[in-house]
PDB file of all heavy atoms in Angstrom:
ATOM      1  N   ALA A   1      16.032 -68.925  13.953  1.00  0.00           N
ATOM      2  CA  ALA A   1      17.002 -69.856  13.365  1.00  0.00           C
ATOM      3  C   ALA A   1      17.915 -69.064  12.448  1.00  0.00           C
ATOM      4  O   ALA A   1      17.449 -68.388  11.523  1.00  0.00           O
ATOM      5  CB  ALA A   1      16.294 -70.962  12.596  1.00  0.00           C
ATOM      6  N   LEU A   2      19.204 -69.109  12.715  1.00  0.00           N
ATOM      7  CA  LEU A   2      20.203 -68.445  11.888  1.00  0.00           C
ATOM      8  C   LEU A   2      20.790 -69.454  10.923  1.00  0.00           C
ATOM      9  O   LEU A   2      21.298 -70.502  11.342  1.00  0.00           O
ATOM     10  CB  LEU A   2      21.296 -67.853  12.772  1.00  0.00           C
ATOM     11  CG  LEU A   2      22.564 -67.362  12.058  1.00  0.00           C
ATOM     12  CD1 LEU A   2      22.232 -66.232  11.090  1.00  0.00           C
ATOM     13  CD2 LEU A   2      23.620 -66.927  13.082  1.00  0.00           C
ATOM     14  N   LEU A   3      20.728 -69.139   9.629  1.00  0.00           N
ATOM     15  CA  LEU A   3      21.279 -70.005   8.586  1.00  0.00           C
ATOM     16  C   LEU A   3      22.463 -69.274   7.958  1.00  0.00           C
ATOM     17  O   LEU A   3      22.295 -68.464   7.049  1.00  0.00           O
ATOM     18  CB  LEU A   3      20.227 -70.319   7.520  1.00  0.00           C
ATOM     19  CG  LEU A   3      18.818 -70.714   8.009  1.00  0.00           C
ATOM     20  CD1 LEU A   3      17.913 -71.005   6.820  1.00  0.00           C
ATOM     21  CD2 LEU A   3      18.890 -71.916   8.932  1.00  0.00           C
ATOM     22  N   PRO A   4      23.690 -69.527   8.439  1.00  0.00           N
ATOM     23  CA  PRO A   4      24.838 -68.746   7.979  1.00  0.00           C
ATOM     24  C   PRO A   4      25.403 -69.193   6.637  1.00  0.00           C
ATOM     25  O   PRO A   4      26.119 -68.434   5.992  1.00  0.00           O
ATOM     26  CB  PRO A   4      25.860 -68.945   9.097  1.00  0.00           C
ATOM     27  CG  PRO A   4      25.539 -70.298   9.641  1.00  0.00           C
ATOM     28  CD  PRO A   4      24.051 -70.456   9.521  1.00  0.00           C
ATOM     29  N   ASN A   5      25.095 -70.404   6.221  1.00  0.00           N
ATOM     30  CA  ASN A   5      25.664 -70.934   4.976  1.00  0.00           C
ATOM     31  C   ASN A   5      24.548 -71.380   4.040  1.00  0.00           C
ATOM     32  O   ASN A   5      24.064 -72.505   4.130  1.00  0.00           O
ATOM     33  CB  ASN A   5      26.597 -72.117   5.262  1.00  0.00           C
ATOM     34  CG  ASN A   5      27.771 -71.724   6.140  1.00  0.00           C
ATOM     35  OD1 ASN A   5      28.345 -70.655   5.963  1.00  0.00           O
ATOM     36  ND2 ASN A   5      28.121 -72.576   7.088  1.00  0.00           N
ATOM     37  N   ILE A   6      24.130 -70.484   3.164  1.00  0.00           N
ATOM     38  CA  ILE A   6      23.105 -70.828   2.180  1.00  0.00           C
ATOM     39  C   ILE A   6      23.599 -70.418   0.793  1.00  0.00           C
ATOM     40  O   ILE A   6      24.251 -69.391   0.623  1.00  0.00           O
ATOM     41  CB  ILE A   6      21.757 -70.130   2.491  1.00  0.00           C
ATOM     42  CG1 ILE A   6      21.942 -68.616   2.621  1.00  0.00           C
ATOM     43  CG2 ILE A   6      21.127 -70.701   3.745  1.00  0.00           C
ATOM     44  CD1 ILE A   6      20.663 -67.864   2.788  1.00  0.00           C
ATOM     45  N   SER A   7      23.302 -71.236  -0.177  1.00  0.00           N
ATOM     46  CA  SER A   7      23.750 -70.955  -1.544  1.00  0.00           C
ATOM     47  C   SER A   7      22.664 -70.285  -2.367  1.00  0.00           C
ATOM     48  O   SER A   7      22.947 -69.555  -3.313  1.00  0.00           O
ATOM     49  CB  SER A   7      24.205 -72.252  -2.231  1.00  0.00           C
ATOM     50  OG  SER A   7      23.162 -73.219  -2.200  1.00  0.00           O
ATOM     51  N   ASN A   8      21.400 -70.534  -2.000  1.00  0.00           N
ATOM     52  CA  ASN A   8      20.291 -69.919  -2.734  1.00  0.00           C
ATOM     53  C   ASN A   8      19.034 -69.964  -1.870  1.00  0.00           C
ATOM     54  O   ASN A   8      19.031 -70.545  -0.776  1.00  0.00           O
ATOM     55  CB  ASN A   8      20.054 -70.640  -4.068  1.00  0.00           C
ATOM     56  CG  ASN A   8      19.928 -72.148  -3.881  1.00  0.00           C
ATOM     57  OD1 ASN A   8      19.039 -72.619  -3.176  1.00  0.00           O
ATOM     58  ND2 ASN A   8      20.822 -72.915  -4.498  1.00  0.00           N
ATOM     59  N   THR A   9      17.985 -69.331  -2.361  1.00  0.00           N
ATOM     60  CA  THR A   9      16.743 -69.266  -1.592  1.00  0.00           C
ATOM     61  C   THR A   9      16.101 -70.634  -1.412  1.00  0.00           C
ATOM     62  O   THR A   9      15.291 -70.826  -0.499  1.00  0.00           O
ATOM     63  CB  THR A   9      15.734 -68.335  -2.278  1.00  0.00           C
ATOM     64  OG1 THR A   9      15.530 -68.765  -3.633  1.00  0.00           O
ATOM     65  CG2 THR A   9      16.250 -66.904  -2.288  1.00  0.00           C
ATOM     66  N   GLU A  10      16.445 -71.586  -2.254  1.00  0.00           N
ATOM     67  CA  GLU A  10      15.876 -72.925  -2.123  1.00  0.00           C
ATOM     68  C   GLU A  10      16.289 -73.559  -0.795  1.00  0.00           C
ATOM     69  O   GLU A  10      15.518 -74.290  -0.175  1.00  0.00           O
ATOM     70  CB  GLU A  10      16.321 -73.809  -3.286  1.00  0.00           C
ATOM     71  CG  GLU A  10      15.727 -75.211  -3.282  1.00  0.00           C
ATOM     72  CD  GLU A  10      14.202 -75.223  -3.369  1.00  0.00           C
ATOM     73  OE1 GLU A  10      13.636 -74.252  -3.910  1.00  0.00           O
ATOM     74  OE2 GLU A  10      13.599 -76.193  -2.901  1.00  0.00           O
ATOM     75  N   ASP A  11      17.524 -73.277  -0.347  1.00  0.00           N
ATOM     76  CA  ASP A  11      17.976 -73.796   0.948  1.00  0.00           C
ATOM     77  C   ASP A  11      17.062 -73.301   2.074  1.00  0.00           C
ATOM     78  O   ASP A  11      16.697 -74.062   2.969  1.00  0.00           O
ATOM     79  CB  ASP A  11      19.414 -73.338   1.231  1.00  0.00           C
ATOM     80  CG  ASP A  11      20.423 -73.965   0.275  1.00  0.00           C
ATOM     81  OD1 ASP A  11      20.074 -74.981  -0.349  1.00  0.00           O
ATOM     82  OD2 ASP A  11      21.543 -73.431   0.158  1.00  0.00           O
ATOM     83  N   ILE A  12      16.708 -72.022   2.003  1.00  0.00           N
ATOM     84  CA  ILE A  12      15.820 -71.452   3.025  1.00  0.00           C
ATOM     85  C   ILE A  12      14.443 -72.103   2.943  1.00  0.00           C
ATOM     86  O   ILE A  12      13.845 -72.449   3.969  1.00  0.00           O
ATOM     87  CB  ILE A  12      15.691 -69.928   2.838  1.00  0.00           C
ATOM     88  CG1 ILE A  12      17.065 -69.277   2.773  1.00  0.00           C
ATOM     89  CG2 ILE A  12      14.859 -69.322   3.951  1.00  0.00           C
ATOM     90  CD1 ILE A  12      17.028 -67.807   2.408  1.00  0.00           C
ATOM     91  N   HIS A  13      13.939 -72.263   1.722  1.00  0.00           N
ATOM     92  CA  HIS A  13      12.608 -72.841   1.530  1.00  0.00           C
ATOM     93  C   HIS A  13      12.540 -74.260   2.093  1.00  0.00           C
ATOM     94  O   HIS A  13      11.556 -74.621   2.760  1.00  0.00           O
ATOM     95  CB  HIS A  13      12.265 -72.848   0.039  1.00  0.00           C
ATOM     96  CG  HIS A  13      10.953 -73.487  -0.275  1.00  0.00           C
ATOM     97  ND1 HIS A  13       9.744 -72.875  -0.016  1.00  0.00           N
ATOM     98  CD2 HIS A  13      10.659 -74.707  -0.818  1.00  0.00           C
ATOM     99  CE1 HIS A  13       8.768 -73.687  -0.377  1.00  0.00           C
ATOM    100  NE2 HIS A  13       9.291 -74.802  -0.872  1.00  0.00           N
ATOM    101  N   VAL A  14      13.571 -75.051   1.839  1.00  0.00           N
ATOM    102  CA  VAL A  14      13.579 -76.440   2.312  1.00  0.00           C
ATOM    103  C   VAL A  14      13.505 -76.491   3.835  1.00  0.00           C
ATOM    104  O   VAL A  14      12.711 -77.245   4.416  1.00  0.00           O
ATOM    105  CB  VAL A  14      14.837 -77.174   1.802  1.00  0.00           C
ATOM    106  CG1 VAL A  14      14.993 -78.521   2.505  1.00  0.00           C
ATOM    107  CG2 VAL A  14      14.773 -77.379   0.298  1.00  0.00           C
ATOM    108  N   ILE A  15      14.331 -75.687   4.506  1.00  0.00           N
ATOM    109  CA  ILE A  15      14.351 -75.698   5.966  1.00  0.00           C
ATOM    110  C   ILE A  15      13.059 -75.142   6.544  1.00  0.00           C
ATOM    111  O   ILE A  15      12.505 -75.678   7.511  1.00  0.00           O
ATOM    112  CB  ILE A  15      15.569 -74.907   6.487  1.00  0.00           C
ATOM    113  CG1 ILE A  15      16.855 -75.647   6.119  1.00  0.00           C
ATOM    114  CG2 ILE A  15      15.483 -74.700   7.996  1.00  0.00           C
ATOM    115  CD1 ILE A  15      18.115 -74.930   6.502  1.00  0.00           C
ATOM    116  N   THR A  16      12.539 -74.078   5.934  1.00  0.00           N
ATOM    117  CA  THR A  16      11.294 -73.488   6.419  1.00  0.00           C
ATOM    118  C   THR A  16      10.128 -74.461   6.311  1.00  0.00           C
ATOM    119  O   THR A  16       9.327 -74.613   7.249  1.00  0.00           O
ATOM    120  CB  THR A  16      10.974 -72.202   5.641  1.00  0.00           C
ATOM    121  OG1 THR A  16      12.056 -71.284   5.769  1.00  0.00           O
ATOM    122  CG2 THR A  16       9.698 -71.565   6.164  1.00  0.00           C
ATOM    123  N   GLU A  17      10.022 -75.139   5.181  1.00  0.00           N
ATOM    124  CA  GLU A  17       8.951 -76.116   5.003  1.00  0.00           C
ATOM    125  C   GLU A  17       9.098 -77.275   5.977  1.00  0.00           C
ATOM    126  O   GLU A  17       8.112 -77.825   6.480  1.00  0.00           O
ATOM    127  CB  GLU A  17       8.939 -76.625   3.561  1.00  0.00           C
ATOM    128  CG  GLU A  17       8.422 -75.623   2.554  1.00  0.00           C
ATOM    129  CD  GLU A  17       6.992 -75.197   2.865  1.00  0.00           C
ATOM    130  OE1 GLU A  17       6.152 -76.066   3.165  1.00  0.00           O
ATOM    131  OE2 GLU A  17       6.713 -73.978   2.828  1.00  0.00           O
ATOM    132  N   LYS A  18      10.325 -77.646   6.257  1.00  0.00           N
ATOM    133  CA  LYS A  18      10.563 -78.725   7.214  1.00  0.00           C
ATOM    134  C   LYS A  18      10.104 -78.318   8.611  1.00  0.00           C
ATOM    135  O   LYS A  18       9.494 -79.117   9.341  1.00  0.00           O
ATOM    136  CB  LYS A  18      12.062 -79.073   7.229  1.00  0.00           C
ATOM    137  CG  LYS A  18      12.399 -80.353   7.967  1.00  0.00           C
ATOM    138  CD  LYS A  18      13.878 -80.688   7.782  1.00  0.00           C
ATOM    139  CE  LYS A  18      14.227 -81.995   8.494  1.00  0.00           C
ATOM    140  NZ  LYS A  18      15.662 -82.341   8.327  1.00  0.00           N
ATOM    141  N   ILE A  19      10.366 -77.060   8.972  1.00  0.00           N
ATOM    142  CA  ILE A  19       9.924 -76.553  10.278  1.00  0.00           C
ATOM    143  C   ILE A  19       8.403 -76.537  10.363  1.00  0.00           C
ATOM    144  O   ILE A  19       7.810 -76.999  11.350  1.00  0.00           O
ATOM    145  CB  ILE A  19      10.490 -75.140  10.528  1.00  0.00           C
ATOM    146  CG1 ILE A  19      12.006 -75.209  10.737  1.00  0.00           C
ATOM    147  CG2 ILE A  19       9.820 -74.487  11.733  1.00  0.00           C
ATOM    148  CD1 ILE A  19      12.670 -73.851  10.841  1.00  0.00           C
ATOM    149  N   LEU A  20       7.755 -76.022   9.325  1.00  0.00           N
ATOM    150  CA  LEU A  20       6.292 -75.966   9.330  1.00  0.00           C
ATOM    151  C   LEU A  20       5.688 -77.365   9.457  1.00  0.00           C
ATOM    152  O   LEU A  20       4.752 -77.588  10.221  1.00  0.00           O
ATOM    153  CB  LEU A  20       5.792 -75.296   8.046  1.00  0.00           C
ATOM    154  CG  LEU A  20       5.980 -73.773   7.957  1.00  0.00           C
ATOM    155  CD1 LEU A  20       5.674 -73.286   6.552  1.00  0.00           C
ATOM    156  CD2 LEU A  20       5.106 -73.061   8.981  1.00  0.00           C
ATOM    157  N   ALA A  21       6.244 -78.314   8.692  1.00  0.00           N
ATOM    158  CA  ALA A  21       5.723 -79.685   8.725  1.00  0.00           C
ATOM    159  C   ALA A  21       5.945 -80.328  10.089  1.00  0.00           C
ATOM    160  O   ALA A  21       5.061 -81.025  10.617  1.00  0.00           O
ATOM    161  CB  ALA A  21       6.390 -80.515   7.624  1.00  0.00           C
ATOM    162  N   GLU A  22       7.103 -80.080  10.675  1.00  0.00           N
ATOM    163  CA  GLU A  22       7.423 -80.700  11.960  1.00  0.00           C
ATOM    164  C   GLU A  22       6.543 -80.163  13.073  1.00  0.00           C
ATOM    165  O   GLU A  22       6.088 -80.912  13.951  1.00  0.00           O
ATOM    166  CB  GLU A  22       8.903 -80.458  12.288  1.00  0.00           C
ATOM    167  CG  GLU A  22       9.416 -81.239  13.482  1.00  0.00           C
ATOM    168  CD  GLU A  22       9.442 -82.740  13.257  1.00  0.00           C
ATOM    169  OE1 GLU A  22       9.559 -83.166  12.097  1.00  0.00           O
ATOM    170  OE2 GLU A  22       9.330 -83.487  14.258  1.00  0.00           O
ATOM    171  N   LEU A  23       6.270 -78.857  13.056  1.00  0.00           N
ATOM    172  CA  LEU A  23       5.466 -78.265  14.124  1.00  0.00           C
ATOM    173  C   LEU A  23       3.973 -78.489  13.924  1.00  0.00           C
ATOM    174  O   LEU A  23       3.182 -78.225  14.835  1.00  0.00           O
ATOM    175  CB  LEU A  23       5.766 -76.775  14.236  1.00  0.00           C
ATOM    176  CG  LEU A  23       7.199 -76.417  14.654  1.00  0.00           C
ATOM    177  CD1 LEU A  23       7.343 -74.925  14.874  1.00  0.00           C
ATOM    178  CD2 LEU A  23       7.619 -77.177  15.899  1.00  0.00           C
ATOM    179  N   ARG A  24       3.569 -78.955  12.738  1.00  0.00           N
ATOM    180  CA  ARG A  24       2.162 -79.302  12.532  1.00  0.00           C
ATOM    181  C   ARG A  24       1.831 -80.692  13.073  1.00  0.00           C
ATOM    182  O   ARG A  24       0.665 -81.038  13.223  1.00  0.00           O
ATOM    183  CB  ARG A  24       1.836 -79.243  11.041  1.00  0.00           C
ATOM    184  CG  ARG A  24       1.684 -77.818  10.495  1.00  0.00           C
ATOM    185  CD  ARG A  24       1.521 -77.815   9.002  1.00  0.00           C
ATOM    186  NE  ARG A  24       1.459 -76.460   8.453  1.00  0.00           N
ATOM    187  CZ  ARG A  24       1.932 -76.107   7.269  1.00  0.00           C
ATOM    188  NH1 ARG A  24       2.524 -77.024   6.492  1.00  0.00           N
ATOM    189  NH2 ARG A  24       1.845 -74.860   6.841  1.00  0.00           N
ATOM    190  N   LYS A  25       2.853 -81.474  13.370  1.00  0.00           N
ATOM    191  CA  LYS A  25       2.614 -82.802  13.923  1.00  0.00           C
ATOM    192  C   LYS A  25       2.056 -82.671  15.335  1.00  0.00           C
ATOM    193  O   LYS A  25       2.377 -81.720  16.049  1.00  0.00           O
ATOM    194  CB  LYS A  25       3.917 -83.606  13.948  1.00  0.00           C
ATOM    195  CG  LYS A  25       4.494 -83.903  12.568  1.00  0.00           C
ATOM    196  CD  LYS A  25       5.809 -84.664  12.687  1.00  0.00           C
ATOM    197  CE  LYS A  25       6.415 -84.957  11.328  1.00  0.00           C
ATOM    198  NZ  LYS A  25       7.723 -85.647  11.442  1.00  0.00           N
ATOM    199  N   PRO A  26       1.219 -83.624  15.757  1.00  0.00           N
ATOM    200  CA  PRO A  26       0.624 -83.539  17.097  1.00  0.00           C
ATOM    201  C   PRO A  26       1.679 -83.528  18.192  1.00  0.00           C
ATOM    202  O   PRO A  26       2.722 -84.179  18.084  1.00  0.00           O
ATOM    203  CB  PRO A  26      -0.238 -84.807  17.176  1.00  0.00           C
ATOM    204  CG  PRO A  26      -0.480 -85.197  15.762  1.00  0.00           C
ATOM    205  CD  PRO A  26       0.739 -84.800  14.993  1.00  0.00           C
ATOM    206  N   PHE A  27       1.414 -82.763  19.226  1.00  0.00           N
ATOM    207  CA  PHE A  27       2.253 -82.751  20.415  1.00  0.00           C
ATOM    208  C   PHE A  27       1.590 -83.632  21.460  1.00  0.00           C
ATOM    209  O   PHE A  27       0.401 -83.476  21.747  1.00  0.00           O
ATOM    210  CB  PHE A  27       2.410 -81.329  20.951  1.00  0.00           C
ATOM    211  CG  PHE A  27       3.302 -80.458  20.112  1.00  0.00           C
ATOM    212  CD1 PHE A  27       2.786 -79.731  19.043  1.00  0.00           C
ATOM    213  CD2 PHE A  27       4.658 -80.359  20.395  1.00  0.00           C
ATOM    214  CE1 PHE A  27       3.599 -78.925  18.281  1.00  0.00           C
ATOM    215  CE2 PHE A  27       5.482 -79.552  19.624  1.00  0.00           C
ATOM    216  CZ  PHE A  27       4.958 -78.832  18.562  1.00  0.00           C
ATOM    217  N   VAL A  28       2.355 -84.538  22.038  1.00  0.00           N
ATOM    218  CA  VAL A  28       1.835 -85.416  23.080  1.00  0.00           C
ATOM    219  C   VAL A  28       2.615 -85.133  24.356  1.00  0.00           C
ATOM    220  O   VAL A  28       3.802 -85.417  24.457  1.00  0.00           O
ATOM    221  CB  VAL A  28       1.969 -86.893  22.696  1.00  0.00           C
ATOM    222  CG1 VAL A  28       1.412 -87.777  23.811  1.00  0.00           C
ATOM    223  CG2 VAL A  28       1.262 -87.176  21.380  1.00  0.00           C
ATOM    224  N   LEU A  29       1.948 -84.517  25.313  1.00  0.00           N
ATOM    225  CA  LEU A  29       2.564 -84.187  26.590  1.00  0.00           C
ATOM    226  C   LEU A  29       1.750 -84.847  27.691  1.00  0.00           C
ATOM    227  O   LEU A  29       0.633 -84.439  27.981  1.00  0.00           O
ATOM    228  CB  LEU A  29       2.595 -82.667  26.785  1.00  0.00           C
ATOM    229  CG  LEU A  29       3.341 -81.866  25.698  1.00  0.00           C
ATOM    230  CD1 LEU A  29       3.187 -80.381  25.941  1.00  0.00           C
ATOM    231  CD2 LEU A  29       4.804 -82.259  25.639  1.00  0.00           C
ATOM    232  N   GLY A  30       2.335 -85.874  28.276  1.00  0.00           N
ATOM    233  CA  GLY A  30       1.586 -86.645  29.258  1.00  0.00           C
ATOM    234  C   GLY A  30       0.456 -87.390  28.568  1.00  0.00           C
ATOM    235  O   GLY A  30       0.677 -88.118  27.602  1.00  0.00           O
ATOM    236  N   GLU A  31      -0.757 -87.192  29.052  1.00  0.00           N
ATOM    237  CA  GLU A  31      -1.914 -87.830  28.441  1.00  0.00           C
ATOM    238  C   GLU A  31      -2.653 -86.883  27.495  1.00  0.00           C
ATOM    239  O   GLU A  31      -3.717 -87.205  26.984  1.00  0.00           O
ATOM    240  CB  GLU A  31      -2.874 -88.304  29.537  1.00  0.00           C
ATOM    241  CG  GLU A  31      -2.260 -89.345  30.482  1.00  0.00           C
ATOM    242  CD  GLU A  31      -3.235 -89.786  31.550  1.00  0.00           C
ATOM    243  OE1 GLU A  31      -4.333 -89.198  31.612  1.00  0.00           O
ATOM    244  OE2 GLU A  31      -2.892 -90.709  32.314  1.00  0.00           O
ATOM    245  N   THR A  32      -2.058 -85.731  27.259  1.00  0.00           N
ATOM    246  CA  THR A  32      -2.712 -84.719  26.426  1.00  0.00           C
ATOM    247  C   THR A  32      -2.081 -84.676  25.044  1.00  0.00           C
ATOM    248  O   THR A  32      -0.862 -84.641  24.905  1.00  0.00           O
ATOM    249  CB  THR A  32      -2.599 -83.325  27.075  1.00  0.00           C
ATOM    250  OG1 THR A  32      -3.131 -83.384  28.397  1.00  0.00           O
ATOM    251  CG2 THR A  32      -3.357 -82.290  26.263  1.00  0.00           C
ATOM    252  N   GLN A  33      -2.899 -84.671  24.025  1.00  0.00           N
ATOM    253  CA  GLN A  33      -2.438 -84.526  22.651  1.00  0.00           C
ATOM    254  C   GLN A  33      -3.151 -83.338  22.016  1.00  0.00           C
ATOM    255  O   GLN A  33      -4.361 -83.190  22.147  1.00  0.00           O
ATOM    256  CB  GLN A  33      -2.723 -85.794  21.837  1.00  0.00           C
ATOM    257  CG  GLN A  33      -2.343 -85.672  20.365  1.00  0.00           C
ATOM    258  CD  GLN A  33      -2.536 -86.965  19.600  1.00  0.00           C
ATOM    259  OE1 GLN A  33      -2.075 -87.998  20.016  1.00  0.00           O
ATOM    260  NE2 GLN A  33      -3.227 -86.883  18.479  1.00  0.00           N
ATOM    261  N   PHE A  34      -2.382 -82.493  21.373  1.00  0.00           N
ATOM    262  CA  PHE A  34      -2.998 -81.340  20.733  1.00  0.00           C
ATOM    263  C   PHE A  34      -2.135 -80.898  19.560  1.00  0.00           C
ATOM    264  O   PHE A  34      -0.990 -81.314  19.401  1.00  0.00           O
ATOM    265  CB  PHE A  34      -3.181 -80.189  21.727  1.00  0.00           C
ATOM    266  CG  PHE A  34      -1.914 -79.755  22.398  1.00  0.00           C
ATOM    267  CD1 PHE A  34      -1.138 -78.737  21.880  1.00  0.00           C
ATOM    268  CD2 PHE A  34      -1.492 -80.380  23.573  1.00  0.00           C
ATOM    269  CE1 PHE A  34       0.036 -78.350  22.498  1.00  0.00           C
ATOM    270  CE2 PHE A  34      -0.326 -79.985  24.200  1.00  0.00           C
ATOM    271  CZ  PHE A  34       0.437 -78.969  23.659  1.00  0.00           C
ATOM    272  N   LEU A  35      -2.728 -80.039  18.742  1.00  0.00           N
ATOM    273  CA  LEU A  35      -2.046 -79.520  17.563  1.00  0.00           C
ATOM    274  C   LEU A  35      -1.650 -78.069  17.792  1.00  0.00           C
ATOM    275  O   LEU A  35      -2.331 -77.331  18.483  1.00  0.00           O
ATOM    276  CB  LEU A  35      -2.952 -79.626  16.332  1.00  0.00           C
ATOM    277  CG  LEU A  35      -3.399 -81.030  15.932  1.00  0.00           C
ATOM    278  CD1 LEU A  35      -4.385 -80.949  14.770  1.00  0.00           C
ATOM    279  CD2 LEU A  35      -2.203 -81.895  15.553  1.00  0.00           C
ATOM    280  N   ALA A  36      -0.526 -77.686  17.196  1.00  0.00           N
ATOM    281  CA  ALA A  36      -0.072 -76.297  17.270  1.00  0.00           C
ATOM    282  C   ALA A  36       0.490 -75.913  15.914  1.00  0.00           C
ATOM    283  O   ALA A  36       1.059 -76.746  15.206  1.00  0.00           O
ATOM    284  CB  ALA A  36       0.994 -76.131  18.354  1.00  0.00           C
ATOM    285  N   THR A  37       0.304 -74.667  15.545  1.00  0.00           N
ATOM    286  CA  THR A  37       0.854 -74.178  14.284  1.00  0.00           C
ATOM    287  C   THR A  37       1.801 -73.020  14.585  1.00  0.00           C
ATOM    288  O   THR A  37       1.914 -72.569  15.725  1.00  0.00           O
ATOM    289  CB  THR A  37      -0.254 -73.703  13.332  1.00  0.00           C
ATOM    290  OG1 THR A  37      -0.998 -72.659  13.983  1.00  0.00           O
ATOM    291  CG2 THR A  37      -1.177 -74.855  12.970  1.00  0.00           C
ATOM    292  N   THR A  38       2.477 -72.555  13.557  1.00  0.00           N
ATOM    293  CA  THR A  38       3.466 -71.501  13.760  1.00  0.00           C
ATOM    294  C   THR A  38       3.456 -70.524  12.605  1.00  0.00           C
ATOM    295  O   THR A  38       3.092 -70.866  11.478  1.00  0.00           O
ATOM    296  CB  THR A  38       4.874 -72.115  13.916  1.00  0.00           C
ATOM    297  OG1 THR A  38       5.800 -71.099  14.254  1.00  0.00           O
ATOM    298  CG2 THR A  38       5.322 -72.768  12.630  1.00  0.00           C
ATOM    299  N   SER A  39       3.852 -69.286  12.890  1.00  0.00           N
ATOM    300  CA  SER A  39       4.006 -68.253  11.873  1.00  0.00           C
ATOM    301  C   SER A  39       5.484 -67.918  11.751  1.00  0.00           C
ATOM    302  O   SER A  39       6.167 -67.719  12.762  1.00  0.00           O
ATOM    303  CB  SER A  39       3.226 -66.993  12.258  1.00  0.00           C
ATOM    304  OG  SER A  39       1.839 -67.268  12.336  1.00  0.00           O
ATOM    305  N   ILE A  40       5.963 -67.859  10.514  1.00  0.00           N
ATOM    306  CA  ILE A  40       7.400 -67.712  10.271  1.00  0.00           C
ATOM    307  C   ILE A  40       7.670 -66.517   9.362  1.00  0.00           C
ATOM    308  O   ILE A  40       7.038 -66.364   8.311  1.00  0.00           O
ATOM    309  CB  ILE A  40       7.981 -68.991   9.630  1.00  0.00           C
ATOM    310  CG1 ILE A  40       7.850 -70.168  10.595  1.00  0.00           C
ATOM    311  CG2 ILE A  40       9.428 -68.783   9.222  1.00  0.00           C
ATOM    312  CD1 ILE A  40       8.326 -71.484  10.008  1.00  0.00           C
ATOM    313  N   GLY A  41       8.614 -65.681   9.784  1.00  0.00           N
ATOM    314  CA  GLY A  41       9.090 -64.576   8.961  1.00  0.00           C
ATOM    315  C   GLY A  41      10.540 -64.807   8.579  1.00  0.00           C
ATOM    316  O   GLY A  41      11.326 -65.328   9.380  1.00  0.00           O
TER     317      GLY A  41
END
Protein backbone atom coordinates (compact mmCIF):
# COMPACT_ATOMS: atom_id res chain seq x y z
CA ALA A 1 0.00 0.00 0.00
CA LEU A 2 1.48 3.32 -1.10
CA LEU A 3 0.47 6.32 1.01
CA PRO A 4 1.63 9.38 -0.95
CA ASN A 5 -0.04 12.05 1.19
CA ILE A 6 0.67 11.78 4.90
CA SER A 7 1.16 14.61 7.37
CA ASN A 8 2.55 12.57 10.26
CA THR A 9 3.17 9.05 11.49
CA GLU A 10 -0.29 8.96 13.05
CA ASP A 11 -1.78 8.75 9.53
CA ILE A 12 0.27 5.61 8.90
CA HIS A 13 -0.68 4.13 12.28
CA VAL A 14 -4.40 4.65 11.67
CA ILE A 15 -4.34 2.94 8.27
CA THR A 16 -2.09 0.11 9.47
CA GLU A 17 -4.31 -0.65 12.44
CA LYS A 18 -7.34 -0.59 10.18
CA ILE A 19 -5.70 -3.14 7.88
CA LEU A 20 -4.78 -5.43 10.77
CA ALA A 21 -8.31 -5.23 12.20
CA GLU A 22 -9.95 -5.85 8.84
CA LEU A 23 -7.83 -8.89 8.00
CA ARG A 24 -8.41 -10.41 11.45
CA LYS A 25 -12.12 -10.67 10.68
CA PRO A 26 -13.29 -14.15 9.62
CA PHE A 27 -13.17 -14.99 5.94
CA VAL A 28 -16.23 -16.79 4.60
CA LEU A 29 -15.66 -18.49 1.26
CA GLY A 30 -18.49 -20.74 0.24
CA GLU A 31 -19.35 -22.88 3.24
CA THR A 32 -15.90 -22.47 4.77
CA GLN A 33 -15.07 -19.92 7.45
CA PHE A 34 -11.58 -19.39 8.74
CA LEU A 35 -9.29 -16.80 10.26
CA ALA A 36 -6.16 -15.30 8.72
CA THR A 37 -3.61 -12.87 10.08
CA THR A 38 -1.02 -10.69 8.41
CA SER A 39 2.48 -9.33 8.97
CA ILE A 40 3.12 -5.72 7.99
CA GLY A 41 6.35 -3.81 7.42
